[in-house]
């Protein structure tokens, strides 16, 4: 059974780009010894919120990886570079 092109029900819980940004912020925070939950708070999310959002986007991405891969890679690189040095909190503003 293939899930290629399968649809995930409901509207995007957060924009695709925001999902990638938060993912990369958490990765950078982890490398800096900062708890990922601290990063989530800066985005107004709880661990439960993130679990739901991440599961939704992971399912959508896995079902549509061929069409989403290039954009995923571009955005991952963008945010990995953004959070590579200094604090992951440096330019998050609410």
C-alpha atoms as a PDB file:
ATOM      1  CA  UNK A   1       0.000   0.000   0.000  1.00  0.00           C
ATOM      2  CA  UNK A   2       1.377   3.388  -0.962  1.00  0.00           C
ATOM      3  CA  UNK A   3       0.583   6.716   0.636  1.00  0.00           C
ATOM      4  CA  UNK A   4       2.138   8.824  -2.110  1.00  0.00           C
ATOM      5  CA  UNK A   5      -0.103  11.796  -2.733  1.00  0.00           C
ATOM      6  CA  UNK A   6      -2.358  10.894   0.185  1.00  0.00           C
ATOM      7  CA  UNK A   7      -4.198  13.756   1.762  1.00  0.00           C
ATOM      8  CA  UNK A   8      -3.959  14.585   5.438  1.00  0.00           C
ATOM      9  CA  UNK A   9      -7.301  15.642   6.789  1.00  0.00           C
ATOM     10  CA  UNK A  10      -7.953  19.181   7.945  1.00  0.00           C
ATOM     11  CA  UNK A  11      -6.198  22.476   7.422  1.00  0.00           C
ATOM     12  CA  UNK A  12      -2.494  22.927   8.061  1.00  0.00           C
ATOM     13  CA  UNK A  13      -2.119  23.362  11.844  1.00  0.00           C
ATOM     14  CA  UNK A  14       0.722  25.834  11.182  1.00  0.00           C
ATOM     15  CA  UNK A  15       2.363  26.854   7.911  1.00  0.00           C
ATOM     16  CA  UNK A  16       4.879  24.398   6.423  1.00  0.00           C
ATOM     17  CA  UNK A  17       7.676  26.947   6.747  1.00  0.00           C
ATOM     18  CA  UNK A  18       6.892  27.562  10.435  1.00  0.00           C
ATOM     19  CA  UNK A  19       7.047  23.800  11.096  1.00  0.00           C
ATOM     20  CA  UNK A  20      10.514  23.668   9.568  1.00  0.00           C
ATOM     21  CA  UNK A  21      11.638  26.819  11.395  1.00  0.00           C
ATOM     22  CA  UNK A  22      10.604  25.404  14.777  1.00  0.00           C
ATOM     23  CA  UNK A  23      12.194  22.053  13.956  1.00  0.00           C
ATOM     24  CA  UNK A  24      15.522  23.704  13.130  1.00  0.00           C
ATOM     25  CA  UNK A  25      15.286  26.019  16.157  1.00  0.00           C
ATOM     26  CA  UNK A  26      14.865  22.970  18.375  1.00  0.00           C
ATOM     27  CA  UNK A  27      17.765  21.167  16.688  1.00  0.00           C
ATOM     28  CA  UNK A  28      20.044  24.171  17.229  1.00  0.00           C
ATOM     29  CA  UNK A  29      18.857  24.580  20.810  1.00  0.00           C
ATOM     30  CA  UNK A  30      19.641  20.951  21.525  1.00  0.00           C
ATOM     31  CA  UNK A  31      23.176  21.421  20.183  1.00  0.00           C
ATOM     32  CA  UNK A  32      23.526  24.468  22.452  1.00  0.00           C
ATOM     33  CA  UNK A  33      22.280  22.565  25.504  1.00  0.00           C
ATOM     34  CA  UNK A  34      18.930  24.388  25.560  1.00  0.00           C
ATOM     35  CA  UNK A  35      15.793  22.415  26.315  1.00  0.00           C
ATOM     36  CA  UNK A  36      13.549  22.079  23.264  1.00  0.00           C
ATOM     37  CA  UNK A  37      10.538  22.969  25.437  1.00  0.00           C
ATOM     38  CA  UNK A  38      12.053  26.394  25.985  1.00  0.00           C
ATOM     39  CA  UNK A  39      12.077  26.951  22.238  1.00  0.00           C
ATOM     40  CA  UNK A  40       8.460  25.853  21.939  1.00  0.00           C
ATOM     41  CA  UNK A  41       7.395  28.379  24.580  1.00  0.00           C
ATOM     42  CA  UNK A  42       8.913  31.133  22.452  1.00  0.00           C
ATOM     43  CA  UNK A  43       6.638  30.053  19.628  1.00  0.00           C
ATOM     44  CA  UNK A  44       3.614  29.942  21.938  1.00  0.00           C
ATOM     45  CA  UNK A  45       3.432  26.155  21.885  1.00  0.00           C
ATOM     46  CA  UNK A  46       3.405  23.369  24.448  1.00  0.00           C
ATOM     47  CA  UNK A  47       5.045  19.997  23.982  1.00  0.00           C
ATOM     48  CA  UNK A  48       1.561  18.570  23.372  1.00  0.00           C
ATOM     49  CA  UNK A  49       0.868  21.194  20.708  1.00  0.00           C
ATOM     50  CA  UNK A  50       4.163  20.416  19.016  1.00  0.00           C
ATOM     51  CA  UNK A  51       3.533  16.695  19.132  1.00  0.00           C
ATOM     52  CA  UNK A  52       0.246  17.154  17.274  1.00  0.00           C
ATOM     53  CA  UNK A  53       1.654  19.647  14.755  1.00  0.00           C
ATOM     54  CA  UNK A  54       4.761  17.606  14.083  1.00  0.00           C
ATOM     55  CA  UNK A  55       2.794  14.372  13.647  1.00  0.00           C
ATOM     56  CA  UNK A  56       0.433  16.104  11.187  1.00  0.00           C
ATOM     57  CA  UNK A  57       3.243  17.622   9.099  1.00  0.00           C
ATOM     58  CA  UNK A  58       5.336  14.448   9.225  1.00  0.00           C
ATOM     59  CA  UNK A  59       2.418  12.463   7.851  1.00  0.00           C
ATOM     60  CA  UNK A  60       1.744  15.030   5.122  1.00  0.00           C
ATOM     61  CA  UNK A  61       5.407  15.266   4.175  1.00  0.00           C
ATOM     62  CA  UNK A  62       5.890  11.499   4.102  1.00  0.00           C
ATOM     63  CA  UNK A  63       2.820  11.114   1.883  1.00  0.00           C
ATOM     64  CA  UNK A  64       4.016  13.858  -0.497  1.00  0.00           C
ATOM     65  CA  UNK A  65       7.785  13.773  -0.146  1.00  0.00           C
ATOM     66  CA  UNK A  66       8.566  13.883  -3.842  1.00  0.00           C
ATOM     67  CA  UNK A  67       6.665  17.126  -4.398  1.00  0.00           C
ATOM     68  CA  UNK A  68       7.707  18.747  -1.102  1.00  0.00           C
ATOM     69  CA  UNK A  69      11.348  17.666  -0.822  1.00  0.00           C
ATOM     70  CA  UNK A  70      12.977  20.565  -2.645  1.00  0.00           C
ATOM     71  CA  UNK A  71      11.123  23.199  -0.599  1.00  0.00           C
ATOM     72  CA  UNK A  72      11.738  21.266   2.607  1.00  0.00           C
ATOM     73  CA  UNK A  73      15.461  21.173   1.892  1.00  0.00           C
ATOM     74  CA  UNK A  74      15.620  24.865   0.972  1.00  0.00           C
ATOM     75  CA  UNK A  75      13.785  25.916   4.124  1.00  0.00           C
ATOM     76  CA  UNK A  76      15.729  23.535   6.360  1.00  0.00           C
ATOM     77  CA  UNK A  77      18.997  24.982   5.078  1.00  0.00           C
ATOM     78  CA  UNK A  78      17.690  28.530   5.572  1.00  0.00           C
ATOM     79  CA  UNK A  79      16.720  27.959   9.202  1.00  0.00           C
ATOM     80  CA  UNK A  80      19.693  25.749  10.009  1.00  0.00           C
ATOM     81  CA  UNK A  81      21.907  28.652   8.939  1.00  0.00           C
ATOM     82  CA  UNK A  82      19.784  31.167  10.861  1.00  0.00           C
ATOM     83  CA  UNK A  83      20.139  29.221  14.108  1.00  0.00           C
ATOM     84  CA  UNK A  84      23.689  27.926  13.547  1.00  0.00           C
ATOM     85  CA  UNK A  85      25.415  30.458  15.761  1.00  0.00           C
ATOM     86  CA  UNK A  86      24.428  32.401  18.789  1.00  0.00           C
ATOM     87  CA  UNK A  87      21.187  31.972  20.615  1.00  0.00           C
ATOM     88  CA  UNK A  88      18.165  30.362  18.983  1.00  0.00           C
ATOM     89  CA  UNK A  89      16.218  33.135  20.710  1.00  0.00           C
ATOM     90  CA  UNK A  90      18.088  36.027  19.165  1.00  0.00           C
ATOM     91  CA  UNK A  91      15.523  37.148  16.646  1.00  0.00           C
ATOM     92  CA  UNK A  92      12.287  35.502  17.723  1.00  0.00           C
ATOM     93  CA  UNK A  93       9.811  38.251  18.467  1.00  0.00           C
ATOM     94  CA  UNK A  94       6.166  38.045  19.406  1.00  0.00           C
END
